[in-house]
N, C-alpha and C. Protein backbone atom coordinates (compact mmCIF):
# COMPACT_ATOMS: atom_id res chain seq x y z
N MET A 1 33.56 63.99 74.22
CA MET A 1 33.03 62.72 74.35
C MET A 1 33.96 61.81 74.04
N SER A 2 34.11 60.56 74.86
CA SER A 2 35.10 59.68 74.81
C SER A 2 34.63 58.62 73.80
N LEU A 3 35.46 58.06 73.02
CA LEU A 3 35.32 56.88 72.13
C LEU A 3 34.37 56.03 72.68
N GLY A 4 34.61 55.44 74.06
CA GLY A 4 33.82 54.60 74.79
C GLY A 4 32.38 55.00 74.90
N LEU A 5 32.26 56.25 75.14
CA LEU A 5 31.02 56.88 75.58
C LEU A 5 30.14 57.04 74.12
N PHE A 6 30.95 57.24 73.21
CA PHE A 6 30.37 57.48 71.84
C PHE A 6 29.67 55.91 71.32
N LEU A 7 30.55 54.95 71.42
CA LEU A 7 30.16 53.62 70.98
C LEU A 7 28.88 53.12 71.89
N ALA A 8 29.01 53.47 73.12
CA ALA A 8 27.83 53.30 73.98
C ALA A 8 26.59 53.77 73.47
N VAL A 9 26.66 55.07 73.33
CA VAL A 9 25.50 55.78 72.94
C VAL A 9 24.91 55.46 71.45
N LEU A 10 25.90 54.92 70.43
CA LEU A 10 25.43 54.40 69.21
C LEU A 10 24.92 53.17 69.60
N GLY A 11 25.23 52.22 70.61
CA GLY A 11 24.58 50.82 70.67
C GLY A 11 23.10 51.16 71.32
N ALA A 12 23.02 52.23 72.30
CA ALA A 12 21.64 52.50 72.77
C ALA A 12 20.71 53.05 71.74
N ALA A 13 21.25 53.89 70.76
CA ALA A 13 20.52 54.55 69.67
C ALA A 13 20.10 53.50 68.68
N LEU A 14 21.01 52.54 68.37
CA LEU A 14 20.54 51.37 67.53
C LEU A 14 19.35 50.68 68.30
N ALA A 15 19.60 50.28 69.28
CA ALA A 15 18.64 49.44 70.10
C ALA A 15 17.31 50.03 70.01
N VAL A 16 17.12 51.16 70.37
CA VAL A 16 15.86 51.85 70.52
C VAL A 16 15.32 52.23 69.07
N SER A 17 16.12 52.71 68.10
CA SER A 17 15.58 52.97 66.90
C SER A 17 15.15 51.92 66.03
N VAL A 18 16.26 51.24 65.61
CA VAL A 18 15.88 49.85 64.75
C VAL A 18 14.78 49.08 65.20
N ALA A 19 14.95 48.63 66.82
CA ALA A 19 13.68 47.86 67.08
C ALA A 19 12.38 48.65 66.91
N GLY A 20 12.55 50.03 67.38
CA GLY A 20 11.45 50.73 67.05
C GLY A 20 10.82 50.92 65.77
N ILE A 21 11.69 50.74 64.63
CA ILE A 21 11.13 50.66 63.30
C ILE A 21 10.46 49.40 62.91
N GLY A 22 10.91 48.33 63.49
CA GLY A 22 10.31 47.18 63.50
C GLY A 22 8.84 47.20 64.06
N SER A 23 8.81 47.66 65.23
CA SER A 23 7.66 48.07 65.81
C SER A 23 6.59 48.68 65.10
N ALA A 24 7.16 50.04 64.66
CA ALA A 24 6.28 50.79 63.79
C ALA A 24 5.87 50.27 62.61
N LYS A 25 6.48 49.40 62.00
CA LYS A 25 6.24 48.76 60.74
C LYS A 25 4.96 47.71 61.10
N GLY A 26 5.49 47.08 62.20
CA GLY A 26 4.48 45.93 62.52
C GLY A 26 2.92 46.46 63.02
N VAL A 27 3.15 47.43 63.85
CA VAL A 27 1.75 48.11 64.40
C VAL A 27 1.15 48.61 63.26
N GLY A 28 1.81 49.29 62.33
CA GLY A 28 1.21 49.77 61.04
C GLY A 28 0.52 48.83 60.25
N ILE A 29 1.11 47.60 59.97
CA ILE A 29 0.58 46.60 59.15
C ILE A 29 -0.69 46.13 59.78
N ALA A 30 -0.74 45.85 61.23
CA ALA A 30 -1.90 45.34 61.76
C ALA A 30 -2.95 46.42 61.87
N SER A 31 -2.60 47.68 62.07
CA SER A 31 -3.48 48.68 62.18
C SER A 31 -4.34 48.93 60.97
N GLU A 32 -3.36 48.66 60.00
CA GLU A 32 -4.22 49.01 58.41
C GLU A 32 -5.22 47.87 58.31
N ALA A 33 -4.87 46.73 58.59
CA ALA A 33 -5.85 45.58 58.58
C ALA A 33 -7.04 45.92 59.26
N ALA A 34 -6.59 46.23 60.67
CA ALA A 34 -7.90 46.30 61.58
C ALA A 34 -8.75 47.37 61.33
N ALA A 35 -8.14 48.50 60.71
CA ALA A 35 -9.02 49.73 60.28
C ALA A 35 -10.03 49.11 59.31
N GLY A 36 -9.83 48.36 58.39
CA GLY A 36 -10.86 47.90 57.37
C GLY A 36 -12.08 47.24 58.07
N VAL A 37 -11.72 46.41 59.14
CA VAL A 37 -12.67 45.53 59.97
C VAL A 37 -13.58 46.47 60.68
N VAL A 38 -12.81 47.59 61.51
CA VAL A 38 -13.61 48.49 62.29
C VAL A 38 -14.57 49.17 61.43
N VAL A 39 -14.23 49.67 60.37
CA VAL A 39 -15.14 50.35 59.54
C VAL A 39 -16.58 49.53 59.34
N ASP A 40 -16.47 48.38 59.20
CA ASP A 40 -17.63 47.51 58.88
C ASP A 40 -18.29 47.17 60.13
N ASP A 41 -17.29 46.78 61.11
CA ASP A 41 -18.05 46.37 62.43
C ASP A 41 -17.22 47.05 63.68
N PRO A 42 -17.64 48.02 64.23
CA PRO A 42 -16.85 48.90 65.31
C PRO A 42 -16.92 48.05 66.50
N SER A 43 -17.81 47.13 66.66
CA SER A 43 -17.93 46.38 67.89
C SER A 43 -16.67 45.26 68.04
N LYS A 44 -15.92 45.16 67.03
CA LYS A 44 -14.72 44.15 67.08
C LYS A 44 -13.57 44.93 67.44
N PHE A 45 -13.52 46.33 67.61
CA PHE A 45 -12.33 47.21 67.97
C PHE A 45 -11.69 46.64 69.31
N GLY A 46 -12.16 46.34 70.31
CA GLY A 46 -11.53 45.62 71.56
C GLY A 46 -10.64 44.64 71.36
N LYS A 47 -11.17 43.45 70.48
CA LYS A 47 -10.39 42.32 70.18
C LYS A 47 -9.50 42.73 69.16
N LEU A 48 -9.69 43.59 68.21
CA LEU A 48 -8.62 43.72 67.13
C LEU A 48 -7.41 44.78 67.84
N LEU A 49 -7.66 45.49 69.05
CA LEU A 49 -6.72 46.37 69.44
C LEU A 49 -5.47 45.62 70.15
N VAL A 50 -5.72 44.30 70.70
CA VAL A 50 -4.58 43.49 71.27
C VAL A 50 -3.73 43.27 70.00
N LEU A 51 -4.28 42.73 68.95
CA LEU A 51 -3.36 42.43 67.81
C LEU A 51 -2.78 43.78 67.21
N GLN A 52 -3.25 44.88 67.33
CA GLN A 52 -2.42 46.01 66.81
C GLN A 52 -1.42 46.33 67.93
N LEU A 53 -1.53 46.18 69.21
CA LEU A 53 -0.65 46.50 70.27
C LEU A 53 0.67 45.70 70.29
N LEU A 54 0.34 44.30 70.00
CA LEU A 54 1.40 43.20 70.19
C LEU A 54 2.86 43.71 69.56
N PRO A 55 2.72 44.00 68.21
CA PRO A 55 4.25 44.26 67.46
C PRO A 55 4.89 45.60 68.18
N GLY A 56 3.99 46.35 68.87
CA GLY A 56 4.77 47.39 69.63
C GLY A 56 5.90 47.12 70.75
N THR A 57 5.84 45.82 71.23
CA THR A 57 6.59 45.55 72.30
C THR A 57 8.03 45.35 71.96
N GLN A 58 8.39 45.25 70.76
CA GLN A 58 9.81 45.14 70.41
C GLN A 58 10.38 46.46 70.52
N GLY A 59 9.89 47.52 70.26
CA GLY A 59 10.23 49.10 70.59
C GLY A 59 10.48 49.24 71.95
N LEU A 60 9.56 48.79 72.61
CA LEU A 60 9.80 48.83 74.14
C LEU A 60 10.99 48.16 74.69
N TYR A 61 11.26 46.92 74.23
CA TYR A 61 12.49 46.14 74.53
C TYR A 61 13.71 46.90 74.27
N GLY A 62 13.77 47.43 73.02
CA GLY A 62 14.75 48.29 72.60
C GLY A 62 14.98 49.56 73.57
N LEU A 63 13.92 50.22 73.94
CA LEU A 63 14.07 51.37 74.89
C LEU A 63 14.68 50.91 76.06
N ILE A 64 14.20 49.72 76.59
CA ILE A 64 14.76 49.17 78.04
C ILE A 64 16.36 49.11 78.07
N ILE A 65 16.73 48.44 76.81
CA ILE A 65 18.05 48.32 76.65
C ILE A 65 18.93 49.53 76.53
N ALA A 66 18.28 50.49 75.78
CA ALA A 66 18.91 51.87 75.69
C ALA A 66 18.95 52.56 77.01
N VAL A 67 18.00 52.62 77.87
CA VAL A 67 18.02 53.10 79.24
C VAL A 67 18.86 52.54 79.98
N MET A 68 19.22 51.20 80.12
CA MET A 68 20.15 50.47 80.78
C MET A 68 21.53 50.89 80.47
N ILE A 69 21.75 50.99 79.12
CA ILE A 69 23.12 51.34 78.59
C ILE A 69 23.45 52.85 79.12
N MET A 70 22.48 53.74 79.12
CA MET A 70 22.61 55.00 79.47
C MET A 70 23.00 55.32 81.05
N ILE A 71 22.17 54.44 81.66
CA ILE A 71 22.41 54.35 82.94
C ILE A 71 23.66 54.01 83.54
N ASN A 72 24.07 52.80 82.89
CA ASN A 72 25.53 52.13 83.22
C ASN A 72 26.58 53.06 82.72
N THR A 73 26.40 53.97 81.93
CA THR A 73 27.46 54.85 81.42
C THR A 73 27.53 56.25 81.89
N GLY A 74 26.58 56.42 82.91
CA GLY A 74 26.53 57.66 83.65
C GLY A 74 25.67 58.65 82.69
N ILE A 75 25.10 58.49 81.68
CA ILE A 75 24.46 59.56 80.94
C ILE A 75 22.93 59.88 81.62
N LEU A 76 22.55 58.89 82.36
CA LEU A 76 21.19 59.01 83.00
C LEU A 76 21.48 58.85 84.49
N GLY A 77 22.49 59.50 84.97
CA GLY A 77 22.82 59.10 86.57
C GLY A 77 24.07 58.11 86.42
N GLY A 78 24.42 57.83 87.61
CA GLY A 78 25.56 57.03 87.75
C GLY A 78 26.70 57.85 87.48
N SER A 79 28.04 57.11 87.61
CA SER A 79 29.02 57.92 87.30
C SER A 79 30.11 56.91 86.65
N ALA A 80 29.92 56.07 85.84
CA ALA A 80 30.85 55.02 85.32
C ALA A 80 31.12 55.30 83.87
N PRO A 81 32.10 56.33 83.58
CA PRO A 81 32.34 56.29 82.16
C PRO A 81 32.95 55.12 81.42
N ALA A 82 32.53 54.91 80.35
CA ALA A 82 32.72 53.78 79.69
C ALA A 82 34.10 53.78 78.84
N SER A 83 34.83 52.80 78.93
CA SER A 83 36.17 52.48 78.33
C SER A 83 35.96 52.39 76.95
N ALA A 84 36.84 52.50 76.14
CA ALA A 84 36.68 51.99 74.72
C ALA A 84 36.16 50.44 74.45
N ALA A 85 36.58 49.48 75.29
CA ALA A 85 36.25 48.30 75.26
C ALA A 85 35.00 48.12 75.78
N GLN A 86 34.42 48.87 76.69
CA GLN A 86 33.17 48.65 77.19
C GLN A 86 32.06 49.49 76.12
N GLY A 87 32.53 50.45 75.55
CA GLY A 87 31.92 51.07 74.62
C GLY A 87 31.57 50.22 73.55
N MET A 88 32.63 49.39 73.20
CA MET A 88 32.26 48.28 72.06
C MET A 88 31.38 47.21 72.46
N ALA A 89 31.39 46.82 73.93
CA ALA A 89 30.55 45.84 74.44
C ALA A 89 29.12 46.44 74.25
N TYR A 90 28.96 47.76 74.76
CA TYR A 90 27.47 48.26 74.63
C TYR A 90 27.08 48.42 73.04
N LEU A 91 27.99 48.67 72.50
CA LEU A 91 27.37 48.69 71.11
C LEU A 91 27.07 47.26 70.53
N GLY A 92 27.73 46.30 70.91
CA GLY A 92 27.58 44.69 70.66
C GLY A 92 26.16 44.27 71.47
N ALA A 93 25.91 45.10 72.56
CA ALA A 93 24.68 44.62 73.24
C ALA A 93 23.64 45.17 72.71
N GLY A 94 23.65 46.31 71.96
CA GLY A 94 22.46 46.88 71.46
C GLY A 94 22.01 46.10 70.06
N ILE A 95 23.01 45.49 69.47
CA ILE A 95 22.57 44.76 68.15
C ILE A 95 21.67 43.62 68.22
N PRO A 96 21.58 42.77 69.24
CA PRO A 96 20.81 41.68 69.23
C PRO A 96 19.15 42.32 69.17
N ILE A 97 18.87 43.10 70.00
CA ILE A 97 17.50 43.66 70.19
C ILE A 97 17.23 44.49 68.93
N ALA A 98 18.35 45.26 68.43
CA ALA A 98 18.00 46.03 67.17
C ALA A 98 17.56 45.03 66.02
N ILE A 99 18.20 43.94 65.71
CA ILE A 99 18.00 43.21 64.70
C ILE A 99 16.80 42.40 64.93
N GLY A 100 16.80 41.67 66.14
CA GLY A 100 15.77 40.91 66.61
C GLY A 100 14.35 41.73 66.53
N GLY A 101 14.45 42.89 67.13
CA GLY A 101 13.29 43.79 67.34
C GLY A 101 12.69 44.23 65.92
N LEU A 102 13.62 44.51 64.98
CA LEU A 102 13.39 44.95 63.55
C LEU A 102 12.62 43.62 62.91
N PHE A 103 13.12 42.44 62.79
CA PHE A 103 12.51 41.50 61.98
C PHE A 103 11.45 41.09 62.64
N SER A 104 11.38 40.66 64.01
CA SER A 104 10.03 40.09 64.68
C SER A 104 8.99 41.03 64.59
N GLY A 105 9.24 42.40 64.78
CA GLY A 105 8.24 43.49 64.69
C GLY A 105 7.40 43.46 63.50
N MET A 106 8.20 43.20 62.36
CA MET A 106 7.55 43.28 60.98
C MET A 106 6.81 42.01 60.76
N ALA A 107 7.59 40.73 61.32
CA ALA A 107 6.76 39.68 61.23
C ALA A 107 5.56 39.42 61.94
N GLN A 108 5.67 40.00 63.31
CA GLN A 108 4.49 40.04 64.00
C GLN A 108 3.34 40.82 63.48
N GLY A 109 3.61 41.74 63.01
CA GLY A 109 2.67 42.61 62.32
C GLY A 109 1.85 41.83 61.31
N ARG A 110 2.54 41.17 60.41
CA ARG A 110 1.93 40.35 59.34
C ARG A 110 1.13 39.11 59.91
N VAL A 111 1.62 38.47 61.17
CA VAL A 111 0.85 37.64 61.65
C VAL A 111 -0.60 38.29 62.24
N CYS A 112 0.01 39.22 62.94
CA CYS A 112 -1.41 40.22 63.50
C CYS A 112 -2.41 40.50 62.33
N ALA A 113 -1.98 40.94 61.28
CA ALA A 113 -2.84 41.22 60.12
C ALA A 113 -3.52 40.00 59.86
N SER A 114 -2.93 38.87 59.74
CA SER A 114 -3.79 37.65 59.42
C SER A 114 -4.79 37.20 60.63
N GLY A 115 -4.44 37.49 61.87
CA GLY A 115 -5.37 37.44 62.83
C GLY A 115 -6.36 38.30 62.74
N VAL A 116 -6.35 39.53 62.32
CA VAL A 116 -7.26 40.39 62.00
C VAL A 116 -8.43 39.74 61.07
N ASN A 117 -7.95 38.97 60.07
CA ASN A 117 -8.79 38.44 59.07
C ASN A 117 -9.75 37.35 59.91
N ILE A 118 -8.79 36.64 60.93
CA ILE A 118 -9.68 35.52 61.65
C ILE A 118 -10.90 36.26 62.37
N ILE A 119 -10.54 37.27 63.11
CA ILE A 119 -11.53 37.95 63.83
C ILE A 119 -12.64 38.72 63.08
N ALA A 120 -12.24 39.05 61.91
CA ALA A 120 -13.37 39.49 61.06
C ALA A 120 -14.30 38.56 60.71
N LYS A 121 -13.97 37.37 60.37
CA LYS A 121 -14.63 36.22 60.14
C LYS A 121 -15.31 35.55 61.23
N LYS A 122 -14.54 35.16 62.21
CA LYS A 122 -14.84 34.29 63.39
C LYS A 122 -14.48 35.11 64.66
N PRO A 123 -15.21 35.88 65.12
CA PRO A 123 -14.70 36.78 66.43
C PRO A 123 -14.36 35.81 67.45
N GLU A 124 -15.10 34.72 67.60
CA GLU A 124 -15.01 33.93 68.82
C GLU A 124 -13.74 33.08 68.71
N GLU A 125 -12.86 33.18 67.59
CA GLU A 125 -11.56 32.53 67.56
C GLU A 125 -10.47 33.62 67.70
N SER A 126 -10.68 34.70 68.34
CA SER A 126 -9.76 35.66 68.67
C SER A 126 -8.42 35.13 69.40
N SER A 127 -8.55 34.17 70.32
CA SER A 127 -7.71 33.57 71.08
C SER A 127 -6.68 32.99 70.38
N LYS A 128 -7.10 32.22 69.19
CA LYS A 128 -6.12 31.72 68.39
C LYS A 128 -5.37 32.63 67.37
N ALA A 129 -5.81 33.78 67.15
CA ALA A 129 -5.06 34.78 66.49
C ALA A 129 -4.23 35.43 67.49
N ILE A 130 -4.49 35.43 68.66
CA ILE A 130 -3.36 36.14 69.66
C ILE A 130 -2.26 35.16 69.84
N VAL A 131 -2.56 33.79 70.12
CA VAL A 131 -1.53 32.89 70.41
C VAL A 131 -0.53 32.88 69.25
N SER A 132 -1.00 32.66 67.99
CA SER A 132 -0.19 32.79 66.88
C SER A 132 0.71 33.93 66.75
N ALA A 133 0.11 35.15 66.91
CA ALA A 133 1.07 36.41 66.97
C ALA A 133 2.01 36.40 68.20
N SER A 134 1.65 35.73 69.28
CA SER A 134 2.57 35.48 70.41
C SER A 134 3.79 34.79 70.27
N LEU A 135 3.52 33.80 69.29
CA LEU A 135 4.59 32.93 69.01
C LEU A 135 5.96 33.62 68.47
N VAL A 136 5.56 34.58 67.62
CA VAL A 136 6.57 35.46 66.88
C VAL A 136 7.33 36.35 68.20
N GLU A 137 6.53 36.62 69.10
CA GLU A 137 7.30 37.48 70.44
C GLU A 137 8.20 36.70 71.01
N ILE A 138 8.25 35.34 70.91
CA ILE A 138 9.47 34.54 71.47
C ILE A 138 10.81 35.13 70.99
N TYR A 139 10.83 35.30 69.75
CA TYR A 139 12.15 35.74 69.21
C TYR A 139 12.69 37.16 69.51
N ALA A 140 11.60 38.09 69.86
CA ALA A 140 11.86 39.37 70.37
C ALA A 140 12.49 39.17 71.76
N LEU A 141 11.69 38.30 72.29
CA LEU A 141 12.24 38.07 73.82
C LEU A 141 13.57 37.46 74.04
N LEU A 142 14.05 36.76 73.12
CA LEU A 142 15.29 36.06 73.11
C LEU A 142 16.12 37.02 72.57
N SER A 143 15.88 37.77 71.91
CA SER A 143 16.87 38.98 71.51
C SER A 143 17.01 39.81 72.66
N PHE A 144 15.94 40.26 73.25
CA PHE A 144 15.95 41.16 74.38
C PHE A 144 16.85 40.59 75.56
N ILE A 145 16.62 39.28 75.90
CA ILE A 145 17.37 38.63 77.09
C ILE A 145 18.94 38.58 76.62
N VAL A 146 19.38 38.43 75.31
CA VAL A 146 20.90 38.17 75.10
C VAL A 146 21.30 39.73 75.29
N SER A 147 20.69 40.87 74.72
CA SER A 147 20.92 42.19 75.04
C SER A 147 21.05 42.49 76.51
N PHE A 148 20.01 42.12 77.13
CA PHE A 148 20.07 42.44 78.71
C PHE A 148 21.18 41.62 79.34
N LEU A 149 21.58 40.51 79.10
CA LEU A 149 22.49 39.72 79.73
C LEU A 149 23.85 40.41 79.62
N ILE A 150 24.08 41.04 78.25
CA ILE A 150 25.36 41.47 77.98
C ILE A 150 25.41 42.72 78.57
N VAL A 151 24.38 43.66 78.71
CA VAL A 151 24.36 44.83 79.55
C VAL A 151 24.79 44.77 80.92
N ILE A 152 24.03 43.91 81.42
CA ILE A 152 24.30 43.54 83.12
C ILE A 152 25.91 43.15 83.38
N ALA A 153 26.43 42.34 82.21
CA ALA A 153 27.72 41.90 82.57
C ALA A 153 28.95 42.78 82.15
N ILE A 154 28.63 43.92 81.52
CA ILE A 154 29.43 44.92 81.11
C ILE A 154 30.43 45.57 82.06
N PRO A 155 29.61 46.06 83.21
CA PRO A 155 30.30 46.67 84.36
C PRO A 155 31.42 45.97 84.96
N ALA A 156 31.44 44.81 84.85
CA ALA A 156 32.37 43.81 85.56
C ALA A 156 33.46 43.73 84.74
N MET A 157 33.45 44.11 83.37
CA MET A 157 34.72 43.95 82.51
C MET A 157 35.82 44.66 83.12
């Protein structure tokens, strides 16, 4: 395995695993809060499910970046082996979504847990809880967009 390919694979691995850790933590935080509410009132499960799922998007963004890196380097089809400079660039491309996904996933989980408390007391206010949780998503999207733009620019290097 060349140095460039190794660095690209490392970038893909960081993108999917670190963002996935953020999602797992966030979904876990929100789900723990939701479980307590569902035990008392199972009819609220549908409204709570949205809040449980929202922190999971960061892991998906990391997966998309990882797949794009693997396609561009020929690991998943294609035939463009990565030079050392491109490998470094792919490693760099994985970092924004890795870090952004980690921290926004955990923060979104906490906001979603607070939203669970809103729904527990006032189910008719669920849209406010979802909007609040969606505000954190903006930062995951910004990280994803930066990683995406870097990945699509690398083959032209």
